[in-house]
Amino acid sequence: MNTSTLSEKGRVVIPQKLRERYGLKKGDRVHVIDYGGIISIIPTSEAPIKNIKGMLRGKTSLVRALTKSRQEDAARGK
């Protein structure tokens, strides 16, 4: 477990091993989220839309699969 100490100004140092693991460097931005008793520090992305582009790309179009499923349901009288 990694432990840090909160400074007088509320600053926390993220341990070096974790900074290296997540590629965090000086000036990077992070989200601090309160999950009701648990505080999470989540690295932000400079270009979130660009980073997820193509993420859902696959062999089957989701629209085509849904259309086919609806047509099959209609044929069965549902």
N, C-alpha and C. Protein backbone atom coordinates (compact mmCIF):
# COMPACT_ATOMS: atom_id res chain seq x y z
N MET A 1 0.85 -1.18 0.00
CA MET A 1 0.00 0.00 0.00
C MET A 1 0.89 1.23 0.00
N ASN A 2 0.51 2.21 -0.81
CA ASN A 2 1.23 3.47 -0.88
C ASN A 2 0.56 4.47 0.05
N THR A 3 1.37 5.18 0.82
CA THR A 3 0.83 6.15 1.78
C THR A 3 1.47 7.51 1.54
N SER A 4 0.67 8.55 1.60
CA SER A 4 1.15 9.93 1.49
C SER A 4 0.62 10.72 2.67
N THR A 5 1.24 11.85 2.92
CA THR A 5 0.80 12.73 4.00
C THR A 5 0.23 14.00 3.41
N LEU A 6 -0.89 14.44 3.93
CA LEU A 6 -1.55 15.65 3.48
C LEU A 6 -0.79 16.85 4.03
N SER A 7 -0.46 17.81 3.15
CA SER A 7 0.26 19.00 3.61
C SER A 7 -0.71 20.00 4.22
N GLU A 8 -0.15 21.04 4.80
CA GLU A 8 -0.96 22.09 5.42
C GLU A 8 -1.90 22.74 4.41
N LYS A 9 -1.48 22.80 3.15
CA LYS A 9 -2.29 23.40 2.10
C LYS A 9 -3.19 22.38 1.40
N GLY A 10 -3.22 21.17 1.90
CA GLY A 10 -4.10 20.15 1.33
C GLY A 10 -3.49 19.39 0.16
N ARG A 11 -2.21 19.51 -0.04
CA ARG A 11 -1.54 18.82 -1.15
C ARG A 11 -1.17 17.40 -0.75
N VAL A 12 -1.25 16.51 -1.74
CA VAL A 12 -0.88 15.11 -1.55
C VAL A 12 0.11 14.75 -2.64
N VAL A 13 1.18 14.07 -2.28
CA VAL A 13 2.15 13.61 -3.26
C VAL A 13 1.77 12.19 -3.68
N ILE A 14 1.60 12.00 -5.00
CA ILE A 14 1.32 10.66 -5.51
C ILE A 14 2.66 9.93 -5.57
N PRO A 15 2.75 8.76 -4.93
CA PRO A 15 4.03 8.04 -4.90
C PRO A 15 4.61 7.80 -6.30
N GLN A 16 5.93 7.83 -6.39
CA GLN A 16 6.64 7.73 -7.66
C GLN A 16 6.23 6.49 -8.46
N LYS A 17 6.12 5.34 -7.80
CA LYS A 17 5.75 4.12 -8.52
C LYS A 17 4.42 4.27 -9.23
N LEU A 18 3.45 4.92 -8.57
CA LEU A 18 2.14 5.12 -9.18
C LEU A 18 2.20 6.16 -10.30
N ARG A 19 2.98 7.22 -10.12
CA ARG A 19 3.13 8.21 -11.18
C ARG A 19 3.73 7.57 -12.43
N GLU A 20 4.72 6.72 -12.23
CA GLU A 20 5.34 6.03 -13.36
C GLU A 20 4.38 5.05 -14.01
N ARG A 21 3.65 4.29 -13.21
CA ARG A 21 2.70 3.28 -13.73
C ARG A 21 1.64 3.93 -14.61
N TYR A 22 1.15 5.12 -14.19
CA TYR A 22 0.07 5.77 -14.91
C TYR A 22 0.55 6.90 -15.82
N GLY A 23 1.86 7.05 -15.94
CA GLY A 23 2.42 8.05 -16.84
C GLY A 23 2.12 9.48 -16.45
N LEU A 24 1.99 9.73 -15.16
CA LEU A 24 1.69 11.08 -14.68
C LEU A 24 2.97 11.90 -14.57
N LYS A 25 2.89 13.15 -15.02
CA LYS A 25 4.06 14.02 -14.92
C LYS A 25 3.61 15.42 -14.50
N LYS A 26 4.56 16.25 -14.18
CA LYS A 26 4.28 17.61 -13.71
C LYS A 26 3.33 18.32 -14.67
N GLY A 27 2.30 18.93 -14.12
CA GLY A 27 1.35 19.68 -14.92
C GLY A 27 0.14 18.88 -15.40
N ASP A 28 0.19 17.54 -15.27
CA ASP A 28 -0.96 16.73 -15.66
C ASP A 28 -2.14 17.03 -14.76
N ARG A 29 -3.33 16.94 -15.31
CA ARG A 29 -4.55 17.19 -14.53
C ARG A 29 -5.16 15.86 -14.13
N VAL A 30 -5.81 15.86 -12.96
CA VAL A 30 -6.50 14.67 -12.46
C VAL A 30 -7.87 15.08 -11.94
N HIS A 31 -8.81 14.12 -11.96
CA HIS A 31 -10.11 14.33 -11.33
C HIS A 31 -10.00 13.76 -9.92
N VAL A 32 -10.58 14.44 -8.95
CA VAL A 32 -10.67 13.94 -7.59
C VAL A 32 -12.15 13.71 -7.32
N ILE A 33 -12.52 12.45 -7.09
CA ILE A 33 -13.92 12.08 -6.96
C ILE A 33 -14.17 11.47 -5.58
N ASP A 34 -15.27 11.91 -4.95
CA ASP A 34 -15.69 11.39 -3.65
C ASP A 34 -16.78 10.35 -3.88
N TYR A 35 -16.49 9.11 -3.51
CA TYR A 35 -17.45 8.01 -3.64
C TYR A 35 -18.09 7.68 -2.30
N GLY A 36 -18.34 8.68 -1.47
CA GLY A 36 -18.97 8.44 -0.18
C GLY A 36 -18.07 7.66 0.76
N GLY A 37 -16.95 8.23 1.12
CA GLY A 37 -16.01 7.57 2.03
C GLY A 37 -14.74 7.11 1.34
N ILE A 38 -14.73 7.12 0.02
CA ILE A 38 -13.54 6.74 -0.74
C ILE A 38 -13.23 7.88 -1.70
N ILE A 39 -11.99 8.36 -1.68
CA ILE A 39 -11.58 9.43 -2.59
C ILE A 39 -10.72 8.78 -3.67
N SER A 40 -11.08 9.04 -4.92
CA SER A 40 -10.32 8.50 -6.05
C SER A 40 -9.65 9.63 -6.81
N ILE A 41 -8.44 9.38 -7.29
CA ILE A 41 -7.71 10.32 -8.13
C ILE A 41 -7.63 9.66 -9.50
N ILE A 42 -8.25 10.29 -10.50
CA ILE A 42 -8.33 9.70 -11.83
C ILE A 42 -7.65 10.61 -12.84
N PRO A 43 -6.65 10.09 -13.56
CA PRO A 43 -5.99 10.91 -14.58
C PRO A 43 -6.99 11.36 -15.64
N THR A 44 -6.90 12.62 -16.08
CA THR A 44 -7.76 13.10 -17.16
C THR A 44 -7.05 12.91 -18.48
N SER A 45 -7.81 12.96 -19.52
CA SER A 45 -7.25 12.83 -20.86
C SER A 45 -7.28 14.21 -21.52
N GLU A 46 -6.23 14.53 -22.24
CA GLU A 46 -6.18 15.81 -22.93
C GLU A 46 -7.22 15.86 -24.06
N ALA A 47 -7.46 14.74 -24.71
CA ALA A 47 -8.41 14.68 -25.82
C ALA A 47 -9.29 13.45 -25.66
N PRO A 48 -10.27 13.48 -24.75
CA PRO A 48 -11.05 12.28 -24.46
C PRO A 48 -11.79 11.72 -25.67
N ILE A 49 -12.33 12.57 -26.51
CA ILE A 49 -13.07 12.09 -27.69
C ILE A 49 -12.10 11.42 -28.65
N LYS A 50 -10.96 12.02 -28.88
CA LYS A 50 -9.97 11.45 -29.80
C LYS A 50 -9.48 10.10 -29.28
N ASN A 51 -9.32 9.96 -27.97
CA ASN A 51 -8.80 8.73 -27.39
C ASN A 51 -9.78 7.56 -27.48
N ILE A 52 -11.08 7.84 -27.56
CA ILE A 52 -12.05 6.73 -27.62
C ILE A 52 -12.50 6.43 -29.04
N LYS A 53 -12.03 7.23 -30.01
CA LYS A 53 -12.43 7.02 -31.40
C LYS A 53 -12.07 5.60 -31.84
N GLY A 54 -13.06 4.89 -32.38
CA GLY A 54 -12.84 3.54 -32.87
C GLY A 54 -12.91 2.47 -31.80
N MET A 55 -13.19 2.85 -30.58
CA MET A 55 -13.20 1.92 -29.46
C MET A 55 -14.25 0.82 -29.63
N LEU A 56 -15.38 1.15 -30.23
CA LEU A 56 -16.46 0.18 -30.39
C LEU A 56 -16.47 -0.47 -31.76
N ARG A 57 -15.45 -0.22 -32.54
CA ARG A 57 -15.38 -0.77 -33.88
C ARG A 57 -15.28 -2.29 -33.81
N GLY A 58 -16.06 -2.94 -34.62
CA GLY A 58 -16.02 -4.40 -34.64
C GLY A 58 -16.46 -4.92 -35.99
N LYS A 59 -16.58 -6.23 -36.08
CA LYS A 59 -16.96 -6.84 -37.35
C LYS A 59 -18.43 -6.63 -37.65
N THR A 60 -19.25 -6.51 -36.62
CA THR A 60 -20.69 -6.37 -36.79
C THR A 60 -21.13 -4.97 -36.40
N SER A 61 -21.94 -4.36 -37.26
CA SER A 61 -22.50 -3.06 -36.94
C SER A 61 -23.58 -3.27 -35.89
N LEU A 62 -23.53 -2.50 -34.83
CA LEU A 62 -24.53 -2.62 -33.78
C LEU A 62 -25.92 -2.24 -34.30
N VAL A 63 -25.98 -1.27 -35.20
CA VAL A 63 -27.26 -0.86 -35.77
C VAL A 63 -27.83 -2.00 -36.61
N ARG A 64 -26.98 -2.62 -37.44
CA ARG A 64 -27.46 -3.74 -38.26
C ARG A 64 -27.92 -4.90 -37.39
N ALA A 65 -27.18 -5.20 -36.34
CA ALA A 65 -27.56 -6.30 -35.45
C ALA A 65 -28.89 -6.01 -34.77
N LEU A 66 -29.11 -4.78 -34.32
CA LEU A 66 -30.36 -4.41 -33.68
C LEU A 66 -31.52 -4.47 -34.67
N THR A 67 -31.29 -3.96 -35.89
CA THR A 67 -32.32 -3.99 -36.92
C THR A 67 -32.71 -5.43 -37.24
N LYS A 68 -31.72 -6.30 -37.38
CA LYS A 68 -31.99 -7.71 -37.68
C LYS A 68 -32.79 -8.35 -36.54
N SER A 69 -32.41 -8.07 -35.31
CA SER A 69 -33.11 -8.62 -34.15
C SER A 69 -34.57 -8.15 -34.11
N ARG A 70 -34.78 -6.87 -34.41
CA ARG A 70 -36.15 -6.34 -34.43
C ARG A 70 -36.98 -6.97 -35.54
N GLN A 71 -36.35 -7.20 -36.71
CA GLN A 71 -37.07 -7.84 -37.81
C GLN A 71 -37.45 -9.28 -37.46
N GLU A 72 -36.54 -9.98 -36.79
CA GLU A 72 -36.84 -11.36 -36.36
C GLU A 72 -37.97 -11.38 -35.34
N ASP A 73 -37.96 -10.43 -34.42
CA ASP A 73 -39.03 -10.34 -33.43
C ASP A 73 -40.37 -10.06 -34.11
N ALA A 74 -40.36 -9.16 -35.11
CA ALA A 74 -41.58 -8.81 -35.82
C ALA A 74 -42.12 -10.02 -36.59
N ALA A 75 -41.22 -10.80 -37.16
CA ALA A 75 -41.62 -11.99 -37.92
C ALA A 75 -42.26 -13.03 -37.00
N ARG A 76 -41.83 -13.07 -35.75
CA ARG A 76 -42.40 -14.01 -34.78
C ARG A 76 -43.66 -13.46 -34.12
N GLY A 77 -44.01 -12.22 -34.45
CA GLY A 77 -45.23 -11.63 -33.90
C GLY A 77 -45.06 -11.00 -32.54
N LYS A 78 -43.87 -10.62 -32.16
CA LYS A 78 -43.63 -9.98 -30.86
C LYS A 78 -43.78 -8.48 -30.94
